[in-house]
Amino acid sequence: MFPQGVNIALGLSYMLCTLLQIVGFGTPAWVVSDYNGEIFDSCGLLFCVSCRNGSGCETKTYLQTYQEYNTADGGMWSYK
């Protein structure tokens, strides 16, 4: 359908985007939290990249994120 060079470029782009999503840079910033002024910029399959206002960014696994929110003010994940 496409010339071979275009197919190769599309394949490499697909592989790069897949890799970025796996390592945590695949999704846009949908979730914005006011918990400690934290903004979760991007979440992939393995972890989230979070940036705090006025400081740097760090990576967190889903378990770390869950534990932080679960211990904040009675647990944001618990139903009351």
C-alpha atoms as a PDB file:
ATOM      1  CA  MET A   1       0.000   0.000   0.000  1.00  0.00           C
ATOM      2  CA  PHE A   2       2.795   2.412   0.951  1.00  0.00           C
ATOM      3  CA  PRO A   3       6.379   2.471  -0.272  1.00  0.00           C
ATOM      4  CA  GLN A   4       8.802   0.405   1.816  1.00  0.00           C
ATOM      5  CA  GLY A   5      10.413   3.500   3.400  1.00  0.00           C
ATOM      6  CA  VAL A   6       7.037   4.746   4.638  1.00  0.00           C
ATOM      7  CA  ASN A   7       6.183   1.326   6.070  1.00  0.00           C
ATOM      8  CA  ILE A   8       9.485   1.229   7.940  1.00  0.00           C
ATOM      9  CA  ALA A   9       8.971   4.759   9.311  1.00  0.00           C
ATOM     10  CA  LEU A  10       5.433   3.934  10.445  1.00  0.00           C
ATOM     11  CA  GLY A  11       6.606   0.713  12.084  1.00  0.00           C
ATOM     12  CA  LEU A  12       9.408   2.461  13.955  1.00  0.00           C
ATOM     13  CA  SER A  13       7.037   5.228  15.087  1.00  0.00           C
ATOM     14  CA  TYR A  14       4.570   2.638  16.352  1.00  0.00           C
ATOM     15  CA  MET A  15       7.298   0.811  18.272  1.00  0.00           C
ATOM     16  CA  LEU A  16       8.573   4.064  19.810  1.00  0.00           C
ATOM     17  CA  CYS A  17       5.089   5.156  20.899  1.00  0.00           C
ATOM     18  CA  THR A  18       4.417   1.723  22.390  1.00  0.00           C
ATOM     19  CA  LEU A  19       7.687   1.839  24.318  1.00  0.00           C
ATOM     20  CA  LEU A  20       6.917   5.330  25.618  1.00  0.00           C
ATOM     21  CA  GLN A  21       3.493   4.185  26.790  1.00  0.00           C
ATOM     22  CA  ILE A  22       4.949   1.185  28.592  1.00  0.00           C
ATOM     23  CA  VAL A  23       7.463   3.285  30.509  1.00  0.00           C
ATOM     24  CA  GLY A  24       4.971   5.945  31.560  1.00  0.00           C
ATOM     25  CA  PHE A  25       4.892   8.694  28.968  1.00  0.00           C
ATOM     26  CA  GLY A  26       2.004   7.474  26.888  1.00  0.00           C
ATOM     27  CA  THR A  27      -1.075   9.245  28.184  1.00  0.00           C
ATOM     28  CA  PRO A  28      -1.814  12.941  28.530  1.00  0.00           C
ATOM     29  CA  ALA A  29      -2.426  14.744  31.805  1.00  0.00           C
ATOM     30  CA  TRP A  30      -6.027  13.817  32.536  1.00  0.00           C
ATOM     31  CA  VAL A  31      -5.780  13.571  36.307  1.00  0.00           C
ATOM     32  CA  VAL A  32      -4.923  16.691  38.276  1.00  0.00           C
ATOM     33  CA  SER A  33      -4.811  16.350  42.042  1.00  0.00           C
ATOM     34  CA  ASP A  34      -4.576  18.967  44.754  1.00  0.00           C
ATOM     35  CA  TYR A  35      -3.137  16.437  47.214  1.00  0.00           C
ATOM     36  CA  ASN A  36       0.144  18.098  48.261  1.00  0.00           C
ATOM     37  CA  GLY A  37       0.021  20.216  45.118  1.00  0.00           C
ATOM     38  CA  GLU A  38       0.791  17.188  43.015  1.00  0.00           C
ATOM     39  CA  ILE A  39      -0.001  16.811  39.343  1.00  0.00           C
ATOM     40  CA  PHE A  40       0.222  13.398  37.714  1.00  0.00           C
ATOM     41  CA  ASP A  41       1.326  14.193  34.186  1.00  0.00           C
ATOM     42  CA  SER A  42       1.404  10.840  32.504  1.00  0.00           C
ATOM     43  CA  CYS A  43       0.684   7.213  33.286  1.00  0.00           C
ATOM     44  CA  GLY A  44       1.860   4.204  31.342  1.00  0.00           C
ATOM     45  CA  LEU A  45       1.568   0.495  31.920  1.00  0.00           C
ATOM     46  CA  LEU A  46       4.361   0.339  34.513  1.00  0.00           C
ATOM     47  CA  PHE A  47       4.267   3.617  36.420  1.00  0.00           C
ATOM     48  CA  CYS A  48       3.210   7.253  36.489  1.00  0.00           C
ATOM     49  CA  VAL A  49       5.413  10.295  36.106  1.00  0.00           C
ATOM     50  CA  SER A  50       4.386  12.917  38.661  1.00  0.00           C
ATOM     51  CA  CYS A  51       5.498  16.518  38.893  1.00  0.00           C
ATOM     52  CA  ARG A  52       5.047  18.757  41.895  1.00  0.00           C
ATOM     53  CA  ASN A  53       4.527  22.485  41.658  1.00  0.00           C
ATOM     54  CA  GLY A  54       7.844  24.249  42.135  1.00  0.00           C
ATOM     55  CA  SER A  55      10.025  21.139  42.130  1.00  0.00           C
ATOM     56  CA  GLY A  56      11.108  18.300  39.891  1.00  0.00           C
ATOM     57  CA  CYS A  57       9.401  15.216  38.593  1.00  0.00           C
ATOM     58  CA  GLU A  58       9.546  11.666  39.880  1.00  0.00           C
ATOM     59  CA  THR A  59       8.233   8.302  38.868  1.00  0.00           C
ATOM     60  CA  LYS A  60       5.866   6.249  40.989  1.00  0.00           C
ATOM     61  CA  THR A  61       4.472   2.793  40.599  1.00  0.00           C
ATOM     62  CA  TYR A  62       0.732   2.335  40.854  1.00  0.00           C
ATOM     63  CA  LEU A  63       1.213   0.709  44.269  1.00  0.00           C
ATOM     64  CA  GLN A  64       3.121   3.740  45.592  1.00  0.00           C
ATOM     65  CA  THR A  65       0.433   6.077  44.276  1.00  0.00           C
ATOM     66  CA  TYR A  66      -2.308   3.946  45.840  1.00  0.00           C
ATOM     67  CA  GLN A  67      -0.515   3.838  49.204  1.00  0.00           C
ATOM     68  CA  GLU A  68       0.003   7.616  49.253  1.00  0.00           C
ATOM     69  CA  TYR A  69      -3.631   8.356  48.543  1.00  0.00           C
ATOM     70  CA  ASN A  70      -4.882   5.610  50.833  1.00  0.00           C
ATOM     71  CA  THR A  71      -3.020   7.105  53.804  1.00  0.00           C
ATOM     72  CA  ALA A  72      -4.100  10.684  53.075  1.00  0.00           C
ATOM     73  CA  ASP A  73      -6.921  11.920  55.311  1.00  0.00           C
ATOM     74  CA  GLY A  74      -8.633   8.618  55.952  1.00  0.00           C
ATOM     75  CA  GLY A  75      -8.049   7.244  52.492  1.00  0.00           C
ATOM     76  CA  MET A  76      -9.286   8.734  49.285  1.00  0.00           C
ATOM     77  CA  TRP A  77      -9.890   5.236  47.926  1.00  0.00           C
ATOM     78  CA  SER A  78     -12.170   4.162  50.753  1.00  0.00           C
ATOM     79  CA  TYR A  79     -15.931   4.471  50.586  1.00  0.00           C
ATOM     80  CA  LYS A  80     -17.557   6.238  53.506  1.00  0.00           C
END
